[in-house]
Amino acid sequence: MIALVFLGLIPKKLPACGNNERVLSILNCFSAGIFLAMSLVHIMPESSETFSRWAQKAEIERPFPLPYVCNFLGYLFILFLDRVLASIFTGYYNDRKSRATVAVEVNTEEPKKGEAAAVERATDKENGSEAAPAPAENDEVKEED
């Protein structure tokens, strides 16, 4: 038991593990497999056996498979809860991250021959002013000093 607690704390203690999406995904899949195995190998047979004994004592000829339905509903509840919380928090953090990225990104490349004029025209349209017609590709763009 102590070893399992130690193994569970490894991602918290190792920054390389916590920052690596692939490692976290593999560990997440492993933990999901443990929960699934516990459900199917231990809990389901025990609950089915207990329910069958109760149905025999109550003299029910064909009992409804309630343990399986409860297990399925529990699974759906956890899945729904996980998806809802993941969408709420992932959207929140992705939104904050994208705003920070947009604020930090700087274009350091020099514009190509026709790009400068296209960017100016787009900026003029956004500002509501009339732009001059675009020069043809054969025309030379005159630079002003």
C-alpha atoms as a PDB file:
ATOM      1  CA  MET A   1       0.000   0.000   0.000  1.00  0.00           C
ATOM      2  CA  ILE A   2       2.799   2.397   0.857  1.00  0.00           C
ATOM      3  CA  ALA A   3       4.545   1.553  -2.422  1.00  0.00           C
ATOM      4  CA  LEU A   4       1.377   2.391  -4.374  1.00  0.00           C
ATOM      5  CA  VAL A   5       1.098   5.765  -2.647  1.00  0.00           C
ATOM      6  CA  PHE A   6       4.755   6.438  -3.480  1.00  0.00           C
ATOM      7  CA  LEU A   7       4.224   5.462  -7.121  1.00  0.00           C
ATOM      8  CA  GLY A   8       1.173   7.721  -7.305  1.00  0.00           C
ATOM      9  CA  LEU A   9       3.208  10.714  -6.141  1.00  0.00           C
ATOM     10  CA  ILE A  10       5.949  10.319  -8.772  1.00  0.00           C
ATOM     11  CA  PRO A  11       4.309  12.732 -11.280  1.00  0.00           C
ATOM     12  CA  LYS A  12       4.131  15.422  -8.572  1.00  0.00           C
ATOM     13  CA  LYS A  13       7.796  15.069  -7.614  1.00  0.00           C
ATOM     14  CA  LEU A  14       9.322  14.811 -11.097  1.00  0.00           C
ATOM     15  CA  PRO A  15       8.806  17.970 -13.155  1.00  0.00           C
ATOM     16  CA  ALA A  16       9.733  16.171 -16.383  1.00  0.00           C
ATOM     17  CA  CYS A  17       6.885  13.730 -15.788  1.00  0.00           C
ATOM     18  CA  GLY A  18       4.371  16.465 -14.986  1.00  0.00           C
ATOM     19  CA  ASN A  19       5.218  18.499 -18.088  1.00  0.00           C
ATOM     20  CA  ASN A  20       5.214  15.589 -20.536  1.00  0.00           C
ATOM     21  CA  GLU A  21       1.734  15.059 -22.004  1.00  0.00           C
ATOM     22  CA  ARG A  22       2.574  11.564 -23.261  1.00  0.00           C
ATOM     23  CA  VAL A  23       3.712  10.298 -19.850  1.00  0.00           C
ATOM     24  CA  LEU A  24       0.643  11.786 -18.163  1.00  0.00           C
ATOM     25  CA  SER A  25      -1.611  10.197 -20.777  1.00  0.00           C
ATOM     26  CA  ILE A  26      -0.038   6.762 -20.251  1.00  0.00           C
ATOM     27  CA  LEU A  27      -0.355   7.073 -16.467  1.00  0.00           C
ATOM     28  CA  ASN A  28      -3.971   8.190 -16.855  1.00  0.00           C
ATOM     29  CA  CYS A  29      -4.743   5.139 -19.023  1.00  0.00           C
ATOM     30  CA  PHE A  30      -3.050   2.864 -16.483  1.00  0.00           C
ATOM     31  CA  SER A  31      -5.129   4.243 -13.608  1.00  0.00           C
ATOM     32  CA  ALA A  32      -8.321   3.932 -15.670  1.00  0.00           C
ATOM     33  CA  GLY A  33      -7.423   0.283 -16.353  1.00  0.00           C
ATOM     34  CA  ILE A  34      -7.049  -0.352 -12.637  1.00  0.00           C
ATOM     35  CA  PHE A  35     -10.488   1.078 -11.906  1.00  0.00           C
ATOM     36  CA  LEU A  36     -12.052  -0.850 -14.768  1.00  0.00           C
ATOM     37  CA  ALA A  37     -10.434  -4.114 -13.643  1.00  0.00           C
ATOM     38  CA  MET A  38     -11.615  -3.576 -10.056  1.00  0.00           C
ATOM     39  CA  SER A  39     -15.129  -3.012 -11.303  1.00  0.00           C
ATOM     40  CA  LEU A  40     -15.295  -5.994 -13.646  1.00  0.00           C
ATOM     41  CA  VAL A  41     -13.211  -8.521 -11.704  1.00  0.00           C
ATOM     42  CA  HIS A  42     -14.155  -7.788  -8.108  1.00  0.00           C
ATOM     43  CA  ILE A  43     -17.229  -5.608  -7.650  1.00  0.00           C
ATOM     44  CA  MET A  44     -19.487  -6.923 -10.433  1.00  0.00           C
ATOM     45  CA  PRO A  45     -19.261 -10.652  -9.544  1.00  0.00           C
ATOM     46  CA  GLU A  46     -19.712  -9.936  -5.847  1.00  0.00           C
ATOM     47  CA  SER A  47     -22.728  -7.685  -6.362  1.00  0.00           C
ATOM     48  CA  SER A  48     -24.270 -10.171  -8.798  1.00  0.00           C
ATOM     49  CA  GLU A  49     -23.818 -13.020  -6.321  1.00  0.00           C
ATOM     50  CA  THR A  50     -25.301 -10.997  -3.459  1.00  0.00           C
ATOM     51  CA  PHE A  51     -28.264  -9.966  -5.621  1.00  0.00           C
ATOM     52  CA  SER A  52     -28.845 -13.586  -6.741  1.00  0.00           C
ATOM     53  CA  ARG A  53     -28.926 -14.787  -3.117  1.00  0.00           C
ATOM     54  CA  TRP A  54     -31.413 -12.053  -2.240  1.00  0.00           C
ATOM     55  CA  ALA A  55     -33.599 -12.941  -5.253  1.00  0.00           C
ATOM     56  CA  GLN A  56     -33.619 -16.639  -4.224  1.00  0.00           C
ATOM     57  CA  LYS A  57     -34.625 -15.744  -0.655  1.00  0.00           C
ATOM     58  CA  ALA A  58     -37.371 -13.468  -1.984  1.00  0.00           C
ATOM     59  CA  GLU A  59     -38.433 -16.280  -4.343  1.00  0.00           C
ATOM     60  CA  ILE A  60     -38.186 -14.128  -7.447  1.00  0.00           C
ATOM     61  CA  GLU A  61     -38.179 -16.365 -10.495  1.00  0.00           C
ATOM     62  CA  ARG A  62     -36.531 -14.067 -13.065  1.00  0.00           C
ATOM     63  CA  PRO A  63     -35.010 -11.036 -11.283  1.00  0.00           C
ATOM     64  CA  PHE A  64     -34.112  -7.919 -13.180  1.00  0.00           C
ATOM     65  CA  PRO A  65     -30.285  -7.664 -13.508  1.00  0.00           C
ATOM     66  CA  LEU A  66     -30.077  -4.668 -11.215  1.00  0.00           C
ATOM     67  CA  PRO A  67     -26.345  -4.911 -10.335  1.00  0.00           C
ATOM     68  CA  TYR A  68     -25.376  -4.638 -13.996  1.00  0.00           C
ATOM     69  CA  VAL A  69     -27.694  -1.702 -14.589  1.00  0.00           C
ATOM     70  CA  CYS A  70     -26.347   0.082 -11.510  1.00  0.00           C
ATOM     71  CA  ASN A  71     -22.774  -0.504 -12.675  1.00  0.00           C
ATOM     72  CA  PHE A  72     -23.602   0.847 -16.130  1.00  0.00           C
ATOM     73  CA  LEU A  73     -25.377   3.915 -14.694  1.00  0.00           C
ATOM     74  CA  GLY A  74     -22.439   4.560 -12.366  1.00  0.00           C
ATOM     75  CA  TYR A  75     -20.069   4.381 -15.303  1.00  0.00           C
ATOM     76  CA  LEU A  76     -22.225   6.803 -17.329  1.00  0.00           C
ATOM     77  CA  PHE A  77     -22.393   9.202 -14.385  1.00  0.00           C
ATOM     78  CA  ILE A  78     -18.610   9.260 -13.961  1.00  0.00           C
ATOM     79  CA  LEU A  79     -18.102   9.623 -17.725  1.00  0.00           C
ATOM     80  CA  PHE A  80     -20.588  12.511 -17.876  1.00  0.00           C
ATOM     81  CA  LEU A  81     -18.983  14.200 -14.874  1.00  0.00           C
ATOM     82  CA  ASP A  82     -15.514  13.792 -16.390  1.00  0.00           C
ATOM     83  CA  ARG A  83     -16.548  15.180 -19.782  1.00  0.00           C
ATOM     84  CA  VAL A  84     -18.400  18.153 -18.292  1.00  0.00           C
ATOM     85  CA  LEU A  85     -15.598  19.104 -15.915  1.00  0.00           C
ATOM     86  CA  ALA A  86     -12.948  18.554 -18.583  1.00  0.00           C
ATOM     87  CA  SER A  87     -14.787  20.780 -21.057  1.00  0.00           C
ATOM     88  CA  ILE A  88     -15.261  23.510 -18.465  1.00  0.00           C
ATOM     89  CA  PHE A  89     -11.690  23.572 -17.198  1.00  0.00           C
ATOM     90  CA  THR A  90      -9.998  22.807 -20.527  1.00  0.00           C
ATOM     91  CA  GLY A  91     -11.888  25.638 -22.204  1.00  0.00           C
ATOM     92  CA  TYR A  92     -10.963  27.986 -19.377  1.00  0.00           C
ATOM     93  CA  TYR A  93      -7.256  27.167 -19.458  1.00  0.00           C
ATOM     94  CA  ASN A  94      -7.051  27.011 -23.268  1.00  0.00           C
ATOM     95  CA  ASP A  95      -8.738  30.417 -23.477  1.00  0.00           C
ATOM     96  CA  ARG A  96      -6.257  31.941 -21.027  1.00  0.00           C
ATOM     97  CA  LYS A  97      -3.336  30.266 -22.803  1.00  0.00           C
ATOM     98  CA  SER A  98      -4.434  31.466 -26.255  1.00  0.00           C
ATOM     99  CA  ARG A  99      -4.818  35.049 -25.014  1.00  0.00           C
ATOM    100  CA  ALA A 100      -1.341  34.951 -23.502  1.00  0.00           C
ATOM    101  CA  THR A 101       0.102  33.423 -26.675  1.00  0.00           C
ATOM    102  CA  VAL A 102      -1.490  36.075 -28.874  1.00  0.00           C
ATOM    103  CA  ALA A 103      -0.159  38.821 -26.628  1.00  0.00           C
ATOM    104  CA  VAL A 104       3.384  37.435 -26.685  1.00  0.00           C
ATOM    105  CA  GLU A 105       3.737  36.352 -30.330  1.00  0.00           C
ATOM    106  CA  VAL A 106       5.714  38.733 -32.526  1.00  0.00           C
ATOM    107  CA  ASN A 107       6.257  38.282 -36.248  1.00  0.00           C
ATOM    108  CA  THR A 108       9.987  38.704 -36.868  1.00  0.00           C
ATOM    109  CA  GLU A 109       9.983  37.762 -40.556  1.00  0.00           C
ATOM    110  CA  GLU A 110      10.253  40.426 -43.215  1.00  0.00           C
ATOM    111  CA  PRO A 111       7.144  40.606 -45.428  1.00  0.00           C
ATOM    112  CA  LYS A 112       7.497  39.353 -48.981  1.00  0.00           C
ATOM    113  CA  LYS A 113       7.107  41.646 -51.973  1.00  0.00           C
ATOM    114  CA  GLY A 114       3.294  41.602 -52.249  1.00  0.00           C
ATOM    115  CA  GLU A 115       2.517  40.893 -48.581  1.00  0.00           C
ATOM    116  CA  ALA A 116       3.223  44.398 -47.304  1.00  0.00           C
ATOM    117  CA  ALA A 117       0.619  45.922 -49.600  1.00  0.00           C
ATOM    118  CA  ALA A 118      -1.916  43.204 -48.722  1.00  0.00           C
ATOM    119  CA  VAL A 119      -1.426  43.810 -45.005  1.00  0.00           C
ATOM    120  CA  GLU A 120      -1.838  47.554 -45.481  1.00  0.00           C
ATOM    121  CA  ARG A 121      -5.055  47.029 -47.501  1.00  0.00           C
ATOM    122  CA  ALA A 122      -6.455  44.697 -44.835  1.00  0.00           C
ATOM    123  CA  THR A 123      -5.608  47.212 -42.113  1.00  0.00           C
ATOM    124  CA  ASP A 124      -7.252  50.010 -44.085  1.00  0.00           C
ATOM    125  CA  LYS A 125     -10.445  47.941 -44.522  1.00  0.00           C
ATOM    126  CA  GLU A 126     -10.581  47.252 -40.781  1.00  0.00           C
ATOM    127  CA  ASN A 127     -10.173  50.960 -40.026  1.00  0.00           C
ATOM    128  CA  GLY A 128     -12.891  51.875 -42.524  1.00  0.00           C
ATOM    129  CA  SER A 129     -10.728  53.942 -44.856  1.00  0.00           C
ATOM    130  CA  GLU A 130     -10.565  53.502 -48.607  1.00  0.00           C
ATOM    131  CA  ALA A 131      -7.485  51.689 -49.846  1.00  0.00           C
ATOM    132  CA  ALA A 132      -5.679  52.143 -53.124  1.00  0.00           C
ATOM    133  CA  PRO A 133      -6.084  49.334 -55.641  1.00  0.00           C
ATOM    134  CA  ALA A 134      -3.616  46.479 -55.315  1.00  0.00           C
ATOM    135  CA  PRO A 135      -0.610  46.609 -57.621  1.00  0.00           C
ATOM    136  CA  ALA A 136      -0.289  43.812 -60.135  1.00  0.00           C
ATOM    137  CA  GLU A 137       2.416  41.246 -59.565  1.00  0.00           C
ATOM    138  CA  ASN A 138       4.483  42.629 -62.454  1.00  0.00           C
ATOM    139  CA  ASP A 139       4.336  46.185 -61.105  1.00  0.00           C
ATOM    140  CA  GLU A 140       7.138  47.255 -58.855  1.00  0.00           C
ATOM    141  CA  VAL A 141       6.222  48.568 -55.454  1.00  0.00           C
ATOM    142  CA  LYS A 142       7.867  51.940 -54.931  1.00  0.00           C
ATOM    143  CA  GLU A 143       9.240  52.452 -51.475  1.00  0.00           C
ATOM    144  CA  GLU A 144       9.160  55.893 -49.943  1.00  0.00           C
ATOM    145  CA  ASP A 145      12.019  57.122 -47.800  1.00  0.00           C
END
